[in-house]
């Protein structure tokens, strides 16, 4: 039975969600200005999943995600200044400015990164699970993926081995309704992604990804199951308010559909719950927003004023063959 979140915990989750939202909106601005290069995949609309899930994790648990990873990095406790610096390609970034938007990681937080290759991190998650079982640890792995990933080989191979070896892995599918520009029903023969766990005799559940309470409760229960009995498949129903990436013209969905999902905004939803159940005043929420704006200004200033990586950094962290040639 998952514990109920306290008022102070919910207020902190509210602050995290607001920070992630504003971080992403600012990232879009910086991208448009040319300060961020490459690809940029934003998490706007999905904030309740990362915050609720990370709240349920232990510090010793492991986290692996796909390339929509900024929100997860912040929710897992990475320094937002270092995350923004990474997006800008600065030496103070979490990956030294050499990874960019899709390659965030932190050994300290056991966050083994955003992965640009679709599904490429699922076998790695299973491998981490093997290490945990082999060494008889009480840790668990959270592996986050998009619904489009559930149609490729990495997904089926990883779930099968995780089930055979009863690995402590929770596979969390963030179903934001579209794999790039293709809606789920046109790419998956099974409408309910969570049902794919049945093929591997894996417990599974579909949850409302716009409700941080439900995400937290489901994740606590799934992680507890994984530690004791083996893998679990969760599907969180959510929606991204913006395109797949910054280069997405978004011709595949209607404005009315977006507005319908905006009416279920996770930040507004939690704010309403805080006011109704915990008698939090609107002024208190406004103060959180104001504090986030101040923090965001400091985050951007730090990133913009950070130095570029030295030329010598090109030769660092490069694999070397036995003959010593790079």
Protein backbone atom coordinates (compact mmCIF):
# COMPACT_ATOMS: atom_id res chain seq x y z
CA UNK A 1 0.00 0.00 0.00
CA UNK A 2 1.55 3.28 -1.13
CA UNK A 3 1.83 6.03 1.45
CA UNK A 4 -0.19 9.20 0.94
CA UNK A 5 1.87 12.24 0.05
CA UNK A 6 1.94 15.02 2.62
CA UNK A 7 1.06 18.65 1.98
CA UNK A 8 4.73 19.66 2.00
CA UNK A 9 5.63 16.87 -0.42
CA UNK A 10 2.84 17.88 -2.78
CA UNK A 11 3.91 21.52 -2.68
CA UNK A 12 7.44 20.43 -3.59
CA UNK A 13 6.11 18.33 -6.47
CA UNK A 14 4.08 21.33 -7.62
CA UNK A 15 7.26 23.45 -7.57
CA UNK A 16 9.15 20.81 -9.53
CA UNK A 17 6.45 20.61 -12.17
CA UNK A 18 6.36 24.38 -12.57
CA UNK A 19 10.17 24.46 -12.83
CA UNK A 20 10.19 21.72 -15.47
CA UNK A 21 7.46 23.51 -17.46
CA UNK A 22 9.27 26.85 -17.40
CA UNK A 23 12.65 25.20 -18.04
CA UNK A 24 11.24 23.61 -21.18
CA UNK A 25 9.52 26.77 -22.37
CA UNK A 26 12.75 28.71 -21.90
CA UNK A 27 14.69 25.99 -23.71
CA UNK A 28 12.38 26.46 -26.70
CA UNK A 29 13.16 30.19 -26.68
CA UNK A 30 16.91 29.57 -26.51
CA UNK A 31 16.63 27.04 -29.33
CA UNK A 32 14.83 29.60 -31.49
CA UNK A 33 17.62 32.07 -30.75
CA UNK A 34 20.22 29.56 -31.92
CA UNK A 35 21.79 29.02 -28.50
CA UNK A 36 20.77 25.34 -28.44
CA UNK A 37 21.75 23.18 -31.39
CA UNK A 38 20.78 19.76 -32.63
CA UNK A 39 17.45 18.22 -31.63
CA UNK A 40 15.28 19.35 -28.74
CA UNK A 41 12.41 17.23 -27.41
CA UNK A 42 10.27 19.01 -24.82
CA UNK A 43 8.37 17.53 -21.88
CA UNK A 44 5.61 20.15 -21.70
CA UNK A 45 2.38 18.49 -20.52
CA UNK A 46 3.96 15.33 -19.11
CA UNK A 47 5.47 16.75 -15.91
CA UNK A 48 3.37 14.73 -13.44
CA UNK A 49 4.93 11.47 -14.58
CA UNK A 50 8.58 12.31 -13.90
CA UNK A 51 7.89 14.09 -10.63
CA UNK A 52 5.50 11.48 -9.26
CA UNK A 53 7.71 8.57 -10.30
CA UNK A 54 10.97 10.00 -8.98
CA UNK A 55 9.27 10.78 -5.66
CA UNK A 56 8.63 7.04 -5.31
CA UNK A 57 12.21 6.02 -6.10
CA UNK A 58 14.99 5.43 -3.59
CA UNK A 59 18.34 7.23 -4.00
CA UNK A 60 19.98 3.87 -4.76
CA UNK A 61 17.53 2.98 -7.53
CA UNK A 62 18.56 3.34 -11.16
CA UNK A 63 16.86 5.44 -13.85
CA UNK A 64 17.16 5.17 -17.63
CA UNK A 65 15.15 7.24 -20.10
CA UNK A 66 14.81 7.96 -23.78
CA UNK A 67 15.62 11.35 -25.35
CA UNK A 68 12.76 13.40 -23.85
CA UNK A 69 14.87 13.60 -20.74
CA UNK A 70 15.15 17.14 -19.32
CA UNK A 71 12.15 16.79 -17.02
CA UNK A 72 13.38 13.45 -15.73
CA UNK A 73 16.83 14.85 -15.02
CA UNK A 74 15.41 17.69 -12.95
CA UNK A 75 12.94 15.43 -11.13
CA UNK A 76 15.75 13.00 -10.29
CA UNK A 77 17.70 15.79 -8.63
CA UNK A 78 20.27 16.83 -11.21
CA UNK A 79 21.28 20.50 -10.94
CA UNK A 80 19.05 22.43 -13.40
CA UNK A 81 21.94 24.84 -14.03
CA UNK A 82 24.14 21.98 -15.22
CA UNK A 83 21.28 20.57 -17.29
CA UNK A 84 20.74 23.90 -19.06
CA UNK A 85 24.50 24.29 -19.53
CA UNK A 86 24.52 20.90 -21.24
CA UNK A 87 21.77 22.00 -23.61
CA UNK A 88 23.90 25.02 -24.51
CA UNK A 89 26.96 22.82 -25.02
CA UNK A 90 28.94 24.32 -22.16
CA UNK A 91 31.79 22.75 -20.19
CA UNK A 92 29.76 22.99 -16.95
CA UNK A 93 27.05 20.77 -18.39
CA UNK A 94 26.23 17.39 -16.87
CA UNK A 95 28.03 15.69 -19.78
CA UNK A 96 30.69 18.34 -20.21
CA UNK A 97 28.82 19.99 -23.04
CA UNK A 98 29.47 17.05 -25.36
CA UNK A 99 26.15 15.24 -25.07
CA UNK A 100 23.52 17.91 -25.50
CA UNK A 101 19.78 17.59 -25.04
CA UNK A 102 19.46 13.84 -25.57
CA UNK A 103 22.40 12.66 -23.47
CA UNK A 104 21.94 13.74 -19.88
CA UNK A 105 23.39 11.53 -17.15
CA UNK A 106 24.55 11.51 -13.53
CA UNK A 107 26.39 8.68 -11.81
CA UNK A 108 25.73 10.38 -8.46
CA UNK A 109 21.97 10.21 -9.02
CA UNK A 110 22.15 6.82 -10.75
CA UNK A 111 20.58 8.42 -13.78
CA UNK A 112 22.03 6.55 -16.70
CA UNK A 113 20.84 8.92 -19.22
CA UNK A 114 18.78 10.03 -22.02
CA UNK A 115 19.33 7.73 -25.01
CA UNK A 116 18.92 8.96 -28.58
CA UNK A 117 18.52 5.51 -30.15
CA UNK A 118 14.89 4.43 -29.82
CA UNK A 119 14.73 1.53 -27.39
CA UNK A 120 18.50 1.24 -27.13
CA UNK A 121 18.40 1.66 -23.36
CA UNK A 122 16.01 -1.20 -22.63
CA UNK A 123 18.67 -3.96 -22.82
CA UNK A 124 20.89 -1.78 -20.62
CA UNK A 125 18.10 -1.54 -18.05
CA UNK A 126 17.83 -5.32 -18.06
CA UNK A 127 21.60 -5.53 -17.62
CA UNK A 128 21.47 -3.28 -14.58
CA UNK A 129 18.72 -5.51 -13.24
CA UNK A 130 20.97 -8.55 -13.68
CA UNK A 131 23.70 -6.86 -11.63
CA UNK A 132 21.22 -6.13 -8.85
CA UNK A 133 19.94 -9.72 -8.72
CA UNK A 134 23.44 -11.21 -9.02
CA UNK A 135 24.69 -9.19 -6.06
CA UNK A 136 21.46 -9.69 -4.09
CA UNK A 137 20.78 -5.97 -3.67
CA UNK A 138 17.46 -4.40 -2.76
CA UNK A 139 17.57 -1.81 -5.55
CA UNK A 140 15.27 -1.46 -8.54
CA UNK A 141 15.47 -0.05 -12.07
CA UNK A 142 13.04 2.35 -13.68
CA UNK A 143 13.19 2.25 -17.47
CA UNK A 144 11.17 4.98 -19.22
CA UNK A 145 10.15 4.67 -22.86
CA UNK A 146 7.65 6.00 -25.36
CA UNK A 147 4.72 3.99 -26.68
CA UNK A 148 6.31 3.76 -30.13
CA UNK A 149 9.19 1.79 -28.64
CA UNK A 150 6.85 -1.07 -27.74
CA UNK A 151 6.71 -2.16 -31.40
CA UNK A 152 10.42 -2.90 -31.82
CA UNK A 153 12.68 -5.81 -30.97
CA UNK A 154 14.52 -4.17 -28.08
CA UNK A 155 11.23 -3.96 -26.18
CA UNK A 156 10.22 -7.59 -26.60
CA UNK A 157 13.69 -9.00 -26.02
CA UNK A 158 14.19 -6.95 -22.86
CA UNK A 159 10.78 -7.71 -21.38
CA UNK A 160 11.17 -11.40 -22.15
CA UNK A 161 14.56 -11.70 -20.44
CA UNK A 162 13.44 -9.53 -17.52
CA UNK A 163 10.49 -11.88 -17.00
CA UNK A 164 12.53 -15.08 -17.42
CA UNK A 165 15.12 -13.93 -14.90
CA UNK A 166 12.68 -12.01 -12.68
CA UNK A 167 14.71 -8.82 -12.87
CA UNK A 168 13.77 -5.85 -10.68
CA UNK A 169 12.83 -3.56 -13.56
CA UNK A 170 9.78 -1.34 -13.93
CA UNK A 171 9.14 -0.53 -17.59
CA UNK A 172 7.22 2.75 -17.70
CA UNK A 173 5.63 3.68 -21.02
CA UNK A 174 4.82 7.37 -21.42
CA UNK A 175 1.99 7.16 -23.92
CA UNK A 176 1.64 10.70 -25.26
CA UNK A 177 -0.60 9.43 -28.06
CA UNK A 178 1.84 9.95 -30.95
CA UNK A 179 5.09 8.30 -32.03
CA UNK A 180 6.54 11.31 -33.82
CA UNK A 181 3.53 12.11 -36.04
CA UNK A 182 1.85 8.70 -36.04
CA UNK A 183 -1.01 8.07 -33.65
CA UNK A 184 -0.87 4.91 -31.57
CA UNK A 185 -3.76 3.12 -33.27
CA UNK A 186 -2.04 3.29 -36.66
CA UNK A 187 1.17 1.68 -35.43
CA UNK A 188 0.20 -0.78 -32.70
CA UNK A 189 -2.16 -3.73 -33.13
CA UNK A 190 -2.88 -3.53 -29.40
CA UNK A 191 -4.56 -0.30 -28.31
CA UNK A 192 -3.78 -0.76 -24.63
CA UNK A 193 0.01 -0.76 -24.52
CA UNK A 194 0.02 -2.12 -20.95
CA UNK A 195 -1.60 -5.33 -22.24
CA UNK A 196 1.63 -6.19 -24.04
CA UNK A 197 2.98 -7.30 -20.68
CA UNK A 198 0.59 -10.26 -20.81
CA UNK A 199 2.76 -11.89 -23.48
CA UNK A 200 5.49 -12.24 -20.86
CA UNK A 201 3.26 -13.08 -17.90
CA UNK A 202 4.20 -9.67 -16.52
CA UNK A 203 1.87 -7.71 -14.22
CA UNK A 204 0.73 -4.55 -15.92
CA UNK A 205 -1.42 -1.50 -15.37
CA UNK A 206 -2.59 1.63 -17.16
CA UNK A 207 -2.65 4.88 -15.17
CA UNK A 208 -3.56 8.55 -15.62
CA UNK A 209 -0.26 10.26 -16.30
CA UNK A 210 -1.78 13.70 -15.67
CA UNK A 211 -2.43 12.91 -12.00
CA UNK A 212 0.72 13.05 -9.87
CA UNK A 213 -1.03 11.21 -7.01
CA UNK A 214 -1.89 8.24 -9.21
CA UNK A 215 1.57 8.16 -10.78
CA UNK A 216 3.26 8.16 -7.39
CA UNK A 217 1.01 5.47 -5.95
CA UNK A 218 1.37 3.20 -8.98
CA UNK A 219 5.14 3.64 -9.09
CA UNK A 220 5.59 2.84 -5.40
CA UNK A 221 3.61 -0.37 -5.83
CA UNK A 222 5.39 -1.33 -9.06
CA UNK A 223 8.85 -0.74 -7.57
CA UNK A 224 7.96 -2.76 -4.48
CA UNK A 225 6.78 -5.61 -6.70
CA UNK A 226 9.92 -5.41 -8.85
CA UNK A 227 12.23 -5.63 -5.85
CA UNK A 228 10.53 -8.76 -4.57
CA UNK A 229 9.11 -10.58 -7.56
CA UNK A 230 10.32 -9.24 -10.90
CA UNK A 231 9.41 -6.84 -13.72
CA UNK A 232 6.30 -4.71 -14.01
CA UNK A 233 4.88 -2.84 -17.01
CA UNK A 234 3.16 0.52 -16.47
CA UNK A 235 1.49 2.65 -19.12
CA UNK A 236 0.96 6.32 -18.20
CA UNK A 237 -1.56 8.09 -20.42
CA UNK A 238 -0.34 11.60 -21.14
CA UNK A 239 0.05 14.22 -23.86
CA UNK A 240 2.71 16.59 -25.12
CA UNK A 241 1.38 20.06 -25.83
CA UNK A 242 4.11 20.79 -28.36
CA UNK A 243 5.59 18.90 -31.28
CA UNK A 244 7.68 15.75 -31.17
CA UNK A 245 10.71 18.00 -31.46
CA UNK A 246 11.30 21.65 -32.28
CA UNK A 247 11.24 20.86 -36.00
CA UNK A 248 7.77 19.27 -35.91
CA UNK A 249 5.17 21.19 -37.99
CA UNK A 250 2.35 19.37 -36.09
CA UNK A 251 0.04 18.79 -39.05
CA UNK A 252 -1.23 15.49 -37.69
CA UNK A 253 -3.46 16.70 -34.83
CA UNK A 254 -6.09 19.35 -34.29
CA UNK A 255 -5.99 22.42 -32.07
CA UNK A 256 -9.18 21.23 -30.39
CA UNK A 257 -7.49 17.96 -29.39
CA UNK A 258 -4.62 19.87 -27.82
CA UNK A 259 -7.03 22.11 -25.92
CA UNK A 260 -8.94 19.08 -24.62
CA UNK A 261 -5.73 17.75 -23.09
CA UNK A 262 -4.72 21.18 -21.81
CA UNK A 263 -7.92 21.14 -19.78
CA UNK A 264 -6.37 18.21 -17.88
CA UNK A 265 -3.10 20.05 -17.30
CA UNK A 266 -1.18 18.27 -14.49
CA UNK A 267 0.00 21.52 -12.88
CA UNK A 268 -3.44 23.10 -12.80
CA UNK A 269 -4.87 19.82 -11.56
CA UNK A 270 -2.48 19.56 -8.61
CA UNK A 271 -2.92 23.25 -7.85
CA UNK A 272 -6.67 22.75 -7.63
CA UNK A 273 -6.25 19.74 -5.36
CA UNK A 274 -3.92 21.67 -3.06
CA UNK A 275 -6.44 24.49 -2.73
CA UNK A 276 -9.43 22.19 -2.24
CA UNK A 277 -8.00 19.55 0.10
CA UNK A 278 -5.18 21.37 1.88
CA UNK A 279 -6.58 24.91 1.84
CA UNK A 280 -3.51 26.26 0.07
CA UNK A 281 -4.11 29.85 -1.03
CA UNK A 282 -3.66 31.04 -4.58
CA UNK A 283 -1.12 33.50 -3.24
CA UNK A 284 0.99 30.59 -2.01
CA UNK A 285 0.97 29.04 -5.47
CA UNK A 286 1.77 32.40 -7.04
CA UNK A 287 4.76 32.66 -4.72
CA UNK A 288 6.02 29.29 -6.01
CA UNK A 289 5.73 30.55 -9.59
CA UNK A 290 7.60 33.72 -8.69
CA UNK A 291 10.35 31.72 -7.02
CA UNK A 292 10.67 29.51 -10.09
CA UNK A 293 11.02 32.56 -12.34
CA UNK A 294 13.86 33.84 -10.18
CA UNK A 295 15.54 30.43 -10.22
CA UNK A 296 15.09 30.13 -13.98
CA UNK A 297 16.83 33.47 -14.53
CA UNK A 298 19.79 32.20 -12.50
CA UNK A 299 19.79 28.90 -14.42
CA UNK A 300 19.96 30.66 -17.79
CA UNK A 301 22.57 33.17 -16.61
CA UNK A 302 24.78 30.35 -15.35
CA UNK A 303 24.50 28.46 -18.62
CA UNK A 304 25.08 31.47 -20.84
CA UNK A 305 28.11 32.64 -18.85
CA UNK A 306 29.69 29.18 -18.62
CA UNK A 307 32.75 28.51 -20.80
CA UNK A 308 32.82 26.39 -23.92
CA UNK A 309 34.65 23.05 -23.60
CA UNK A 310 38.40 23.26 -24.29
CA UNK A 311 39.64 21.82 -27.58
CA UNK A 312 41.48 19.18 -25.54
CA UNK A 313 38.11 17.85 -24.36
CA UNK A 314 37.68 16.29 -27.81
CA UNK A 315 40.30 13.70 -26.85
CA UNK A 316 38.85 12.94 -23.42
CA UNK A 317 36.59 9.97 -22.65
CA UNK A 318 37.46 8.34 -25.97
CA UNK A 319 37.93 4.57 -26.24
CA UNK A 320 41.54 3.57 -26.91
CA UNK A 321 42.59 0.35 -28.62
CA UNK A 322 45.42 -1.86 -27.20
CA UNK A 323 47.96 -0.21 -29.53
CA UNK A 324 47.14 3.19 -28.05
CA UNK A 325 45.61 4.62 -31.23
CA UNK A 326 42.39 6.59 -30.91
